[in-house]
Amino acid sequence: MTYLELLQRALAEEIEATRLYLACMALAPREDLGVLLEINKDETDHVALISSLISRQTGRDADYAAMVPGVD
């Protein structure tokens, strides 16, 4: 598996994790929502960062992390 393929797989898994956390939020007790929101923010940051790495590999110049304010 190439570096690009690994990045693409990582991106797909981050998107899946984001969906899973959103499903958790739908059923979570109110007191857990803050923690789940923070986890979801981290996951979406990962999506932006990995997308930027993919762009660098493919030559399609898009810095997704820079497009999203507050990406850590």
N, C-alpha and C. Protein backbone atom coordinates (compact mmCIF):
# COMPACT_ATOMS: atom_id res chain seq x y z
N MET A 1 0.86 -1.18 0.00
CA MET A 1 0.00 0.00 0.00
C MET A 1 0.91 1.25 0.00
N THR A 2 0.57 2.19 -0.84
CA THR A 2 1.37 3.41 -0.95
C THR A 2 1.00 4.40 0.17
N TYR A 3 1.83 5.41 0.33
CA TYR A 3 1.56 6.47 1.30
C TYR A 3 0.21 7.14 1.00
N LEU A 4 -0.03 7.46 -0.28
CA LEU A 4 -1.29 8.08 -0.67
C LEU A 4 -2.47 7.18 -0.33
N GLU A 5 -2.37 5.91 -0.62
CA GLU A 5 -3.46 4.98 -0.31
C GLU A 5 -3.71 4.91 1.20
N LEU A 6 -2.63 4.93 1.98
CA LEU A 6 -2.80 4.93 3.43
C LEU A 6 -3.49 6.20 3.91
N LEU A 7 -3.11 7.34 3.35
CA LEU A 7 -3.77 8.59 3.71
C LEU A 7 -5.25 8.55 3.35
N GLN A 8 -5.56 8.04 2.16
CA GLN A 8 -6.96 7.96 1.74
C GLN A 8 -7.75 7.03 2.66
N ARG A 9 -7.15 5.94 3.07
CA ARG A 9 -7.80 5.03 4.01
C ARG A 9 -8.01 5.72 5.36
N ALA A 10 -6.98 6.44 5.81
CA ALA A 10 -7.09 7.16 7.08
C ALA A 10 -8.22 8.19 7.02
N LEU A 11 -8.33 8.88 5.89
CA LEU A 11 -9.39 9.87 5.72
C LEU A 11 -10.76 9.21 5.80
N ALA A 12 -10.92 8.09 5.12
CA ALA A 12 -12.20 7.37 5.16
C ALA A 12 -12.54 6.94 6.59
N GLU A 13 -11.54 6.50 7.33
CA GLU A 13 -11.80 6.06 8.71
C GLU A 13 -12.13 7.24 9.62
N GLU A 14 -11.51 8.39 9.39
CA GLU A 14 -11.85 9.58 10.17
C GLU A 14 -13.29 10.01 9.90
N ILE A 15 -13.70 9.93 8.64
CA ILE A 15 -15.08 10.29 8.29
C ILE A 15 -16.05 9.31 8.96
N GLU A 16 -15.71 8.03 8.95
CA GLU A 16 -16.55 7.03 9.61
C GLU A 16 -16.62 7.28 11.11
N ALA A 17 -15.50 7.64 11.72
CA ALA A 17 -15.48 7.94 13.16
C ALA A 17 -16.38 9.14 13.46
N THR A 18 -16.33 10.16 12.60
CA THR A 18 -17.19 11.33 12.78
C THR A 18 -18.66 10.93 12.76
N ARG A 19 -19.03 10.08 11.84
CA ARG A 19 -20.41 9.61 11.76
C ARG A 19 -20.80 8.83 13.02
N LEU A 20 -19.89 8.01 13.50
CA LEU A 20 -20.15 7.22 14.69
C LEU A 20 -20.38 8.12 15.91
N TYR A 21 -19.53 9.14 16.06
CA TYR A 21 -19.71 10.06 17.19
C TYR A 21 -21.01 10.85 17.08
N LEU A 22 -21.41 11.21 15.87
CA LEU A 22 -22.70 11.90 15.71
C LEU A 22 -23.86 10.98 16.08
N ALA A 23 -23.75 9.71 15.74
CA ALA A 23 -24.79 8.75 16.14
C ALA A 23 -24.82 8.62 17.66
N CYS A 24 -23.65 8.60 18.28
CA CYS A 24 -23.59 8.56 19.75
C CYS A 24 -24.29 9.78 20.35
N MET A 25 -24.05 10.93 19.75
CA MET A 25 -24.65 12.16 20.26
C MET A 25 -26.17 12.11 20.21
N ALA A 26 -26.70 11.45 19.22
CA ALA A 26 -28.15 11.35 19.09
C ALA A 26 -28.78 10.59 20.26
N LEU A 27 -28.01 9.68 20.86
CA LEU A 27 -28.55 8.84 21.93
C LEU A 27 -27.95 9.13 23.29
N ALA A 28 -26.96 9.99 23.34
CA ALA A 28 -26.22 10.23 24.58
C ALA A 28 -27.04 11.02 25.60
N PRO A 29 -26.77 10.76 26.88
CA PRO A 29 -27.37 11.63 27.89
C PRO A 29 -26.80 13.04 27.75
N ARG A 30 -27.59 14.00 28.11
CA ARG A 30 -27.22 15.42 27.94
C ARG A 30 -25.85 15.74 28.55
N GLU A 31 -25.53 15.16 29.68
CA GLU A 31 -24.28 15.48 30.36
C GLU A 31 -23.04 14.97 29.60
N ASP A 32 -23.22 14.10 28.63
CA ASP A 32 -22.09 13.59 27.84
C ASP A 32 -21.87 14.37 26.54
N LEU A 33 -22.80 15.23 26.18
CA LEU A 33 -22.72 15.91 24.89
C LEU A 33 -21.48 16.78 24.74
N GLY A 34 -21.06 17.46 25.79
CA GLY A 34 -19.87 18.30 25.71
C GLY A 34 -18.63 17.52 25.34
N VAL A 35 -18.47 16.36 25.94
CA VAL A 35 -17.32 15.50 25.64
C VAL A 35 -17.39 15.02 24.20
N LEU A 36 -18.56 14.58 23.78
CA LEU A 36 -18.72 14.10 22.42
C LEU A 36 -18.52 15.21 21.39
N LEU A 37 -18.94 16.42 21.71
CA LEU A 37 -18.70 17.55 20.81
C LEU A 37 -17.20 17.81 20.65
N GLU A 38 -16.46 17.74 21.74
CA GLU A 38 -15.01 17.94 21.68
C GLU A 38 -14.34 16.84 20.86
N ILE A 39 -14.76 15.61 21.05
CA ILE A 39 -14.22 14.49 20.26
C ILE A 39 -14.53 14.71 18.78
N ASN A 40 -15.76 15.11 18.47
CA ASN A 40 -16.15 15.33 17.08
C ASN A 40 -15.33 16.47 16.45
N LYS A 41 -15.06 17.52 17.22
CA LYS A 41 -14.23 18.61 16.72
C LYS A 41 -12.84 18.09 16.36
N ASP A 42 -12.27 17.27 17.23
CA ASP A 42 -10.95 16.69 16.94
C ASP A 42 -10.98 15.85 15.66
N GLU A 43 -12.04 15.06 15.50
CA GLU A 43 -12.14 14.22 14.31
C GLU A 43 -12.24 15.06 13.05
N THR A 44 -13.02 16.14 13.09
CA THR A 44 -13.13 16.97 11.89
C THR A 44 -11.82 17.71 11.61
N ASP A 45 -11.07 18.06 12.67
CA ASP A 45 -9.73 18.61 12.46
C ASP A 45 -8.84 17.61 11.73
N HIS A 46 -8.93 16.35 12.14
CA HIS A 46 -8.14 15.29 11.49
C HIS A 46 -8.50 15.17 10.02
N VAL A 47 -9.79 15.26 9.71
CA VAL A 47 -10.23 15.19 8.32
C VAL A 47 -9.58 16.31 7.50
N ALA A 48 -9.58 17.52 8.04
CA ALA A 48 -8.99 18.66 7.33
C ALA A 48 -7.49 18.48 7.14
N LEU A 49 -6.80 18.01 8.17
CA LEU A 49 -5.35 17.83 8.08
C LEU A 49 -4.97 16.72 7.10
N ILE A 50 -5.66 15.60 7.18
CA ILE A 50 -5.37 14.49 6.26
C ILE A 50 -5.70 14.89 4.82
N SER A 51 -6.78 15.63 4.63
CA SER A 51 -7.13 16.10 3.28
C SER A 51 -6.02 16.97 2.71
N SER A 52 -5.42 17.80 3.55
CA SER A 52 -4.31 18.64 3.10
C SER A 52 -3.10 17.80 2.69
N LEU A 53 -2.82 16.75 3.45
CA LEU A 53 -1.71 15.86 3.08
C LEU A 53 -2.00 15.16 1.75
N ILE A 54 -3.24 14.74 1.55
CA ILE A 54 -3.62 14.11 0.28
C ILE A 54 -3.45 15.10 -0.87
N SER A 55 -3.87 16.33 -0.66
CA SER A 55 -3.72 17.36 -1.70
C SER A 55 -2.26 17.55 -2.07
N ARG A 56 -1.39 17.53 -1.08
CA ARG A 56 0.04 17.69 -1.35
C ARG A 56 0.56 16.53 -2.20
N GLN A 57 0.06 15.33 -1.93
CA GLN A 57 0.50 14.15 -2.67
C GLN A 57 -0.03 14.12 -4.10
N THR A 58 -1.25 14.61 -4.29
CA THR A 58 -1.88 14.53 -5.61
C THR A 58 -1.57 15.74 -6.48
N GLY A 59 -1.02 16.79 -5.87
CA GLY A 59 -0.74 17.99 -6.62
C GLY A 59 -1.91 18.92 -6.76
N ARG A 60 -3.04 18.54 -6.20
CA ARG A 60 -4.21 19.42 -6.19
C ARG A 60 -4.07 20.33 -4.97
N ASP A 61 -3.72 21.56 -5.21
CA ASP A 61 -3.36 22.49 -4.15
C ASP A 61 -4.59 23.00 -3.42
N ALA A 62 -4.91 22.36 -2.32
CA ALA A 62 -5.99 22.82 -1.45
C ALA A 62 -5.57 22.55 -0.02
N ASP A 63 -5.44 23.62 0.75
CA ASP A 63 -5.06 23.49 2.14
C ASP A 63 -6.33 23.53 2.99
N TYR A 64 -6.95 22.37 3.15
CA TYR A 64 -8.23 22.30 3.85
C TYR A 64 -8.10 22.75 5.29
N ALA A 65 -6.99 22.43 5.92
CA ALA A 65 -6.80 22.85 7.30
C ALA A 65 -6.84 24.36 7.42
N ALA A 66 -6.27 25.06 6.44
CA ALA A 66 -6.27 26.53 6.47
C ALA A 66 -7.65 27.10 6.19
N MET A 67 -8.50 26.34 5.49
CA MET A 67 -9.83 26.81 5.15
C MET A 67 -10.78 26.73 6.34
N VAL A 68 -10.44 25.92 7.34
CA VAL A 68 -11.31 25.69 8.49
C VAL A 68 -10.71 26.41 9.70
N PRO A 69 -11.33 27.46 10.17
CA PRO A 69 -10.79 28.18 11.32
C PRO A 69 -10.72 27.28 12.56
N GLY A 70 -9.66 27.40 13.32
CA GLY A 70 -9.54 26.71 14.58
C GLY A 70 -9.07 25.28 14.52
N VAL A 71 -8.57 24.83 13.36
CA VAL A 71 -8.03 23.47 13.27
C VAL A 71 -6.73 23.43 14.06
N ASP A 72 -6.66 22.51 15.01
CA ASP A 72 -5.47 22.37 15.85
C ASP A 72 -4.46 21.42 15.24
